Structure formats: C-alpha cells, structure tokens
C-alpha cells in the first residue's frame, strides 16, 4: 500500500509557488518541499487542513491511495 501525495499537481492547478504556499500555511519551504516531493513519512492533520483551505481543495485531491502489486496478490 502506498499513499501518494499529489501536492505538486494541486499547486500547479492553482498556479501557486512553493514559497507562497509555505508562507500561507505557516511551515518552512524545506518542510513543504519534503511533503511535495513525497518524502514525508507523516502529515499533520492541521497542515492538511491548512493546505486544503489555501488550495481550496479536498484532502483526496492531495492524498491518493495506490495498492502495490505485491499487496494485490497477497490479498487476492
């Protein structure tokens, strides 16, 4: 199982730059970059809430579940 973070897609749709979004939600550009590049191990709900508010989207627009090929065979 994999959770994919589509933050870069939402930022592009809203024509929002990393530094602008970081300031708007109150986190560092470095931490937002980690999240945007899919390197984050966790996301605070308060951060997700602010992202959705500023980007005017739903959590499902940012987070997406993808089943791994291995998991499909194991469960099937």
PDB file of N, CA and C in Angstrom:
ATOM      1  N   UNK A   1       0.839  -1.176   0.000  1.00  0.00           N
ATOM      2  CA  UNK A   1       0.000   0.000   0.000  1.00  0.00           C
ATOM      3  C   UNK A   1       0.883   1.237   0.000  1.00  0.00           C
ATOM      4  N   UNK A   2       0.461   2.207  -0.763  1.00  0.00           N
ATOM      5  CA  UNK A   2       1.213   3.439  -0.869  1.00  0.00           C
ATOM      6  C   UNK A   2       0.253   4.615  -0.876  1.00  0.00           C
ATOM      7  N   UNK A   3       0.599   5.627  -0.112  1.00  0.00           N
ATOM      8  CA  UNK A   3      -0.135   6.877  -0.155  1.00  0.00           C
ATOM      9  C   UNK A   3       0.695   7.841  -0.981  1.00  0.00           C
ATOM     10  N   UNK A   4       0.155   8.306  -2.084  1.00  0.00           N
ATOM     11  CA  UNK A   4       0.843   9.255  -2.956  1.00  0.00           C
ATOM     12  C   UNK A   4       0.371  10.662  -2.613  1.00  0.00           C
ATOM     13  N   UNK A   5       1.303  11.582  -2.607  1.00  0.00           N
ATOM     14  CA  UNK A   5       0.991  12.972  -2.310  1.00  0.00           C
ATOM     15  C   UNK A   5       1.037  13.743  -3.618  1.00  0.00           C
ATOM     16  N   UNK A   6      -0.107  14.274  -4.015  1.00  0.00           N
ATOM     17  CA  UNK A   6      -0.233  14.998  -5.275  1.00  0.00           C
ATOM     18  C   UNK A   6      -0.224  16.508  -5.066  1.00  0.00           C
ATOM     19  N   UNK A   7       0.557  16.952  -4.110  1.00  0.00           N
ATOM     20  CA  UNK A   7       0.606  18.372  -3.793  1.00  0.00           C
ATOM     21  C   UNK A   7       1.120  19.181  -4.979  1.00  0.00           C
ATOM     22  N   UNK A   8       2.097  18.660  -5.701  1.00  0.00           N
ATOM     23  CA  UNK A   8       2.636  19.381  -6.853  1.00  0.00           C
ATOM     24  C   UNK A   8       1.578  19.610  -7.923  1.00  0.00           C
ATOM     25  N   UNK A   9       0.677  18.640  -8.086  1.00  0.00           N
ATOM     26  CA  UNK A   9      -0.405  18.765  -9.064  1.00  0.00           C
ATOM     27  C   UNK A   9      -1.366  19.880  -8.646  1.00  0.00           C
ATOM     28  N   UNK A  10      -1.740  19.894  -7.370  1.00  0.00           N
ATOM     29  CA  UNK A  10      -2.664  20.925  -6.886  1.00  0.00           C
ATOM     30  C   UNK A  10      -2.024  22.306  -6.937  1.00  0.00           C
ATOM     31  N   UNK A  11      -0.741  22.379  -6.634  1.00  0.00           N
ATOM     32  CA  UNK A  11      -0.047  23.668  -6.704  1.00  0.00           C
ATOM     33  C   UNK A  11      -0.027  24.178  -8.143  1.00  0.00           C
ATOM     34  N   UNK A  12       0.206  23.301  -9.085  1.00  0.00           N
ATOM     35  CA  UNK A  12       0.214  23.693 -10.493  1.00  0.00           C
ATOM     36  C   UNK A  12      -1.170  24.149 -10.945  1.00  0.00           C
ATOM     37  N   UNK A  13      -2.209  23.423 -10.525  1.00  0.00           N
ATOM     38  CA  UNK A  13      -3.575  23.804 -10.884  1.00  0.00           C
ATOM     39  C   UNK A  13      -3.931  25.178 -10.347  1.00  0.00           C
ATOM     40  N   UNK A  14      -3.410  25.510  -9.171  1.00  0.00           N
ATOM     41  CA  UNK A  14      -3.712  26.804  -8.535  1.00  0.00           C
ATOM     42  C   UNK A  14      -2.658  27.862  -8.854  1.00  0.00           C
ATOM     43  N   UNK A  15      -1.662  27.468  -9.670  1.00  0.00           N
ATOM     44  CA  UNK A  15      -0.564  28.363 -10.045  1.00  0.00           C
ATOM     45  C   UNK A  15       0.076  28.992  -8.810  1.00  0.00           C
ATOM     46  N   UNK A  16       0.383  28.137  -7.845  1.00  0.00           N
ATOM     47  CA  UNK A  16       0.956  28.600  -6.585  1.00  0.00           C
ATOM     48  C   UNK A  16       2.375  28.072  -6.442  1.00  0.00           C
ATOM     49  N   UNK A  17       3.262  28.961  -6.067  1.00  0.00           N
ATOM     50  CA  UNK A  17       4.663  28.600  -5.878  1.00  0.00           C
ATOM     51  C   UNK A  17       4.878  28.081  -4.464  1.00  0.00           C
ATOM     52  N   UNK A  18       5.963  27.321  -4.312  1.00  0.00           N
ATOM     53  CA  UNK A  18       6.297  26.704  -3.033  1.00  0.00           C
ATOM     54  C   UNK A  18       6.434  27.739  -1.918  1.00  0.00           C
ATOM     55  N   UNK A  19       7.168  28.818  -2.181  1.00  0.00           N
ATOM     56  CA  UNK A  19       7.385  29.813  -1.120  1.00  0.00           C
ATOM     57  C   UNK A  19       6.095  30.517  -0.727  1.00  0.00           C
ATOM     58  N   UNK A  20       5.221  30.763  -1.671  1.00  0.00           N
ATOM     59  CA  UNK A  20       3.939  31.408  -1.380  1.00  0.00           C
ATOM     60  C   UNK A  20       3.061  30.501  -0.528  1.00  0.00           C
ATOM     61  N   UNK A  21       2.987  29.224  -0.895  1.00  0.00           N
ATOM     62  CA  UNK A  21       2.170  28.270  -0.149  1.00  0.00           C
ATOM     63  C   UNK A  21       2.729  28.046   1.247  1.00  0.00           C
ATOM     64  N   UNK A  22       4.037  27.942   1.363  1.00  0.00           N
ATOM     65  CA  UNK A  22       4.669  27.735   2.668  1.00  0.00           C
ATOM     66  C   UNK A  22       4.317  28.882   3.624  1.00  0.00           C
ATOM     67  N   UNK A  23       4.418  30.103   3.133  1.00  0.00           N
ATOM     68  CA  UNK A  23       4.067  31.265   3.966  1.00  0.00           C
ATOM     69  C   UNK A  23       2.591  31.247   4.343  1.00  0.00           C
ATOM     70  N   UNK A  24       1.738  30.892   3.394  1.00  0.00           N
ATOM     71  CA  UNK A  24       0.289  30.902   3.625  1.00  0.00           C
ATOM     72  C   UNK A  24      -0.141  29.879   4.676  1.00  0.00           C
ATOM     73  N   UNK A  25       0.548  28.736   4.743  1.00  0.00           N
ATOM     74  CA  UNK A  25       0.139  27.708   5.704  1.00  0.00           C
ATOM     75  C   UNK A  25       1.009  27.689   6.953  1.00  0.00           C
ATOM     76  N   UNK A  26       2.090  28.478   6.953  1.00  0.00           N
ATOM     77  CA  UNK A  26       2.897  28.613   8.152  1.00  0.00           C
ATOM     78  C   UNK A  26       3.894  27.503   8.419  1.00  0.00           C
ATOM     79  N   UNK A  27       4.481  26.932   7.355  1.00  0.00           N
ATOM     80  CA  UNK A  27       5.564  25.963   7.538  1.00  0.00           C
ATOM     81  C   UNK A  27       6.748  26.402   6.673  1.00  0.00           C
ATOM     82  N   UNK A  28       7.899  25.820   6.927  1.00  0.00           N
ATOM     83  CA  UNK A  28       9.080  26.205   6.171  1.00  0.00           C
ATOM     84  C   UNK A  28       8.998  25.663   4.744  1.00  0.00           C
ATOM     85  N   UNK A  29       9.703  26.339   3.853  1.00  0.00           N
ATOM     86  CA  UNK A  29       9.765  25.864   2.472  1.00  0.00           C
ATOM     87  C   UNK A  29      10.400  24.478   2.412  1.00  0.00           C
ATOM     88  N   UNK A  30      11.385  24.239   3.270  1.00  0.00           N
ATOM     89  CA  UNK A  30      12.060  22.931   3.291  1.00  0.00           C
ATOM     90  C   UNK A  30      11.075  21.816   3.654  1.00  0.00           C
ATOM     91  N   UNK A  31      10.258  22.040   4.676  1.00  0.00           N
ATOM     92  CA  UNK A  31       9.284  21.013   5.078  1.00  0.00           C
ATOM     93  C   UNK A  31       8.204  20.831   4.019  1.00  0.00           C
ATOM     94  N   UNK A  32       7.773  21.906   3.403  1.00  0.00           N
ATOM     95  CA  UNK A  32       6.769  21.793   2.346  1.00  0.00           C
ATOM     96  C   UNK A  32       7.353  21.063   1.139  1.00  0.00           C
ATOM     97  N   UNK A  33       8.614  21.297   0.845  1.00  0.00           N
ATOM     98  CA  UNK A  33       9.280  20.610  -0.256  1.00  0.00           C
ATOM     99  C   UNK A  33       9.342  19.103  -0.010  1.00  0.00           C
ATOM    100  N   UNK A  34       9.643  18.714   1.217  1.00  0.00           N
ATOM    101  CA  UNK A  34       9.663  17.292   1.581  1.00  0.00           C
ATOM    102  C   UNK A  34       8.295  16.666   1.340  1.00  0.00           C
ATOM    103  N   UNK A  35       7.251  17.369   1.719  1.00  0.00           N
ATOM    104  CA  UNK A  35       5.884  16.885   1.513  1.00  0.00           C
ATOM    105  C   UNK A  35       5.558  16.827   0.016  1.00  0.00           C
ATOM    106  N   UNK A  36       5.890  17.877  -0.698  1.00  0.00           N
ATOM    107  CA  UNK A  36       5.595  17.966  -2.135  1.00  0.00           C
ATOM    108  C   UNK A  36       6.297  16.871  -2.931  1.00  0.00           C
ATOM    109  N   UNK A  37       7.510  16.525  -2.524  1.00  0.00           N
ATOM    110  CA  UNK A  37       8.278  15.518  -3.252  1.00  0.00           C
ATOM    111  C   UNK A  37       8.007  14.087  -2.798  1.00  0.00           C
ATOM    112  N   UNK A  38       7.043  13.911  -1.910  1.00  0.00           N
ATOM    113  CA  UNK A  38       6.658  12.573  -1.478  1.00  0.00           C
ATOM    114  C   UNK A  38       7.635  11.917  -0.527  1.00  0.00           C
ATOM    115  N   UNK A  39       8.480  12.690   0.119  1.00  0.00           N
ATOM    116  CA  UNK A  39       9.481  12.138   1.039  1.00  0.00           C
ATOM    117  C   UNK A  39       9.004  12.129   2.492  1.00  0.00           C
ATOM    118  N   UNK A  40       7.861  12.724   2.761  1.00  0.00           N
ATOM    119  CA  UNK A  40       7.352  12.817   4.133  1.00  0.00           C
ATOM    120  C   UNK A  40       6.852  11.461   4.612  1.00  0.00           C
ATOM    121  N   UNK A  41       7.083  11.168   5.885  1.00  0.00           N
ATOM    122  CA  UNK A  41       6.599   9.933   6.495  1.00  0.00           C
ATOM    123  C   UNK A  41       5.229  10.123   7.133  1.00  0.00           C
ATOM    124  N   UNK A  42       4.865  11.378   7.388  1.00  0.00           N
ATOM    125  CA  UNK A  42       3.588  11.685   8.024  1.00  0.00           C
ATOM    126  C   UNK A  42       3.177  13.107   7.651  1.00  0.00           C
ATOM    127  N   UNK A  43       1.886  13.373   7.799  1.00  0.00           N
ATOM    128  CA  UNK A  43       1.353  14.712   7.570  1.00  0.00           C
ATOM    129  C   UNK A  43       0.448  15.044   8.750  1.00  0.00           C
ATOM    130  N   UNK A  44       0.699  16.164   9.377  1.00  0.00           N
ATOM    131  CA  UNK A  44      -0.191  16.595  10.463  1.00  0.00           C
ATOM    132  C   UNK A  44      -1.545  16.970   9.875  1.00  0.00           C
ATOM    133  N   UNK A  45      -2.594  16.622  10.583  1.00  0.00           N
ATOM    134  CA  UNK A  45      -3.925  16.982  10.108  1.00  0.00           C
ATOM    135  C   UNK A  45      -4.092  18.494  10.044  1.00  0.00           C
ATOM    136  N   UNK A  46      -3.458  19.209  10.952  1.00  0.00           N
ATOM    137  CA  UNK A  46      -3.547  20.675  10.916  1.00  0.00           C
ATOM    138  C   UNK A  46      -2.887  21.225   9.648  1.00  0.00           C
ATOM    139  N   UNK A  47      -1.801  20.597   9.206  1.00  0.00           N
ATOM    140  CA  UNK A  47      -1.146  21.016   7.959  1.00  0.00           C
ATOM    141  C   UNK A  47      -2.025  20.684   6.766  1.00  0.00           C
ATOM    142  N   UNK A  48      -2.605  19.496   6.756  1.00  0.00           N
ATOM    143  CA  UNK A  48      -3.512  19.100   5.678  1.00  0.00           C
ATOM    144  C   UNK A  48      -4.713  20.032   5.619  1.00  0.00           C
ATOM    145  N   UNK A  49      -5.218  20.403   6.781  1.00  0.00           N
ATOM    146  CA  UNK A  49      -6.346  21.333   6.864  1.00  0.00           C
ATOM    147  C   UNK A  49      -5.983  22.675   6.225  1.00  0.00           C
ATOM    148  N   UNK A  50      -4.822  23.206   6.562  1.00  0.00           N
ATOM    149  CA  UNK A  50      -4.389  24.491   6.007  1.00  0.00           C
ATOM    150  C   UNK A  50      -4.139  24.388   4.505  1.00  0.00           C
ATOM    151  N   UNK A  51      -3.549  23.279   4.067  1.00  0.00           N
ATOM    152  CA  UNK A  51      -3.322  23.078   2.638  1.00  0.00           C
ATOM    153  C   UNK A  51      -4.645  23.108   1.871  1.00  0.00           C
ATOM    154  N   UNK A  52      -5.626  22.393   2.388  1.00  0.00           N
ATOM    155  CA  UNK A  52      -6.936  22.343   1.730  1.00  0.00           C
ATOM    156  C   UNK A  52      -7.603  23.714   1.717  1.00  0.00           C
ATOM    157  N   UNK A  53      -7.454  24.433   2.809  1.00  0.00           N
ATOM    158  CA  UNK A  53      -8.051  25.774   2.893  1.00  0.00           C
ATOM    159  C   UNK A  53      -7.419  26.710   1.860  1.00  0.00           C
ATOM    160  N   UNK A  54      -6.099  26.757   1.822  1.00  0.00           N
ATOM    161  CA  UNK A  54      -5.397  27.680   0.925  1.00  0.00           C
ATOM    162  C   UNK A  54      -5.549  27.257  -0.536  1.00  0.00           C
ATOM    163  N   UNK A  55      -5.466  25.957  -0.815  1.00  0.00           N
ATOM    164  CA  UNK A  55      -5.570  25.465  -2.192  1.00  0.00           C
ATOM    165  C   UNK A  55      -7.019  25.268  -2.640  1.00  0.00           C
ATOM    166  N   UNK A  56      -7.954  25.481  -1.706  1.00  0.00           N
ATOM    167  CA  UNK A  56      -9.385  25.317  -1.995  1.00  0.00           C
ATOM    168  C   UNK A  56      -9.659  23.954  -2.634  1.00  0.00           C
ATOM    169  N   UNK A  57      -9.313  22.915  -1.866  1.00  0.00           N
ATOM    170  CA  UNK A  57      -9.492  21.550  -2.351  1.00  0.00           C
ATOM    171  C   UNK A  57      -9.875  20.632  -1.194  1.00  0.00           C
ATOM    172  N   UNK A  58     -10.048  19.374  -1.499  1.00  0.00           N
ATOM    173  CA  UNK A  58     -10.369  18.352  -0.512  1.00  0.00           C
ATOM    174  C   UNK A  58      -9.116  17.518  -0.239  1.00  0.00           C
ATOM    175  N   UNK A  59      -9.033  16.856   0.930  1.00  0.00           N
ATOM    176  CA  UNK A  59      -7.870  16.012   1.220  1.00  0.00           C
ATOM    177  C   UNK A  59      -7.598  14.977   0.122  1.00  0.00           C
ATOM    178  N   UNK A  60      -8.645  14.444  -0.472  1.00  0.00           N
ATOM    179  CA  UNK A  60      -8.496  13.463  -1.539  1.00  0.00           C
ATOM    180  C   UNK A  60      -7.891  14.023  -2.815  1.00  0.00           C
ATOM    181  N   UNK A  61      -7.882  15.347  -2.941  1.00  0.00           N
ATOM    182  CA  UNK A  61      -7.213  15.965  -4.078  1.00  0.00           C
ATOM    183  C   UNK A  61      -5.701  15.966  -3.887  1.00  0.00           C
ATOM    184  N   UNK A  62      -5.264  15.877  -2.634  1.00  0.00           N
ATOM    185  CA  UNK A  62      -3.839  15.912  -2.308  1.00  0.00           C
ATOM    186  C   UNK A  62      -3.300  14.511  -2.039  1.00  0.00           C
ATOM    187  N   UNK A  63      -4.067  13.689  -1.341  1.00  0.00           N
ATOM    188  CA  UNK A  63      -3.635  12.336  -0.974  1.00  0.00           C
ATOM    189  C   UNK A  63      -4.364  11.297  -1.810  1.00  0.00           C
ATOM    190  N   UNK A  64      -3.615  10.304  -2.281  1.00  0.00           N
ATOM    191  CA  UNK A  64      -4.204   9.251  -3.109  1.00  0.00           C
ATOM    192  C   UNK A  64      -3.634   7.903  -2.684  1.00  0.00           C
ATOM    193  N   UNK A  65      -4.487   6.913  -2.550  1.00  0.00           N
ATOM    194  CA  UNK A  65      -4.069   5.564  -2.184  1.00  0.00           C
ATOM    195  C   UNK A  65      -3.815   4.754  -3.441  1.00  0.00           C
ATOM    196  N   UNK A  66      -2.678   4.074  -3.464  1.00  0.00           N
ATOM    197  CA  UNK A  66      -2.370   3.150  -4.558  1.00  0.00           C
ATOM    198  C   UNK A  66      -1.963   1.818  -3.959  1.00  0.00           C
ATOM    199  N   UNK A  67      -2.622   0.759  -4.388  1.00  0.00           N
ATOM    200  CA  UNK A  67      -2.247  -0.576  -3.932  1.00  0.00           C
ATOM    201  C   UNK A  67      -0.993  -1.014  -4.669  1.00  0.00           C
ATOM    202  N   UNK A  68      -0.062  -1.602  -3.957  1.00  0.00           N
ATOM    203  CA  UNK A  68       1.144  -2.150  -4.580  1.00  0.00           C
ATOM    204  C   UNK A  68       0.792  -3.450  -5.269  1.00  0.00           C
ATOM    205  N   UNK A  69       1.529  -3.795  -6.266  1.00  0.00           N
ATOM    206  CA  UNK A  69       1.310  -5.055  -6.995  1.00  0.00           C
ATOM    207  C   UNK A  69       1.408  -6.241  -6.034  1.00  0.00           C
ATOM    208  N   UNK A  70       2.364  -6.204  -5.110  1.00  0.00           N
ATOM    209  CA  UNK A  70       2.553  -7.261  -4.126  1.00  0.00           C
ATOM    210  C   UNK A  70       1.304  -7.402  -3.244  1.00  0.00           C
ATOM    211  N   UNK A  71       0.750  -6.276  -2.792  1.00  0.00           N
ATOM    212  CA  UNK A  71      -0.414  -6.294  -1.908  1.00  0.00           C
ATOM    213  C   UNK A  71      -1.637  -6.879  -2.614  1.00  0.00           C
ATOM    214  N   UNK A  72      -1.803  -6.607  -3.910  1.00  0.00           N
ATOM    215  CA  UNK A  72      -2.948  -7.133  -4.650  1.00  0.00           C
ATOM    216  C   UNK A  72      -2.931  -8.650  -4.684  1.00  0.00           C
ATOM    217  N   UNK A  73      -1.744  -9.243  -4.885  1.00  0.00           N
ATOM    218  CA  UNK A  73      -1.636 -10.700  -4.927  1.00  0.00           C
ATOM    219  C   UNK A  73      -1.791 -11.326  -3.545  1.00  0.00           C
ATOM    220  N   UNK A  74      -1.264 -10.646  -2.538  1.00  0.00           N
ATOM    221  CA  UNK A  74      -1.328 -11.168  -1.177  1.00  0.00           C
ATOM    222  C   UNK A  74      -2.767 -11.180  -0.673  1.00  0.00           C
ATOM    223  N   UNK A  75      -3.540 -10.160  -1.030  1.00  0.00           N
ATOM    224  CA  UNK A  75      -4.912 -10.060  -0.556  1.00  0.00           C
ATOM    225  C   UNK A  75      -5.873 -10.882  -1.401  1.00  0.00           C
ATOM    226  N   UNK A  76      -5.511 -11.173  -2.620  1.00  0.00           N
ATOM    227  CA  UNK A  76      -6.404 -11.828  -3.558  1.00  0.00           C
ATOM    228  C   UNK A  76      -6.447 -13.266  -3.463  1.00  0.00           C
TER     229      UNK A  76
END
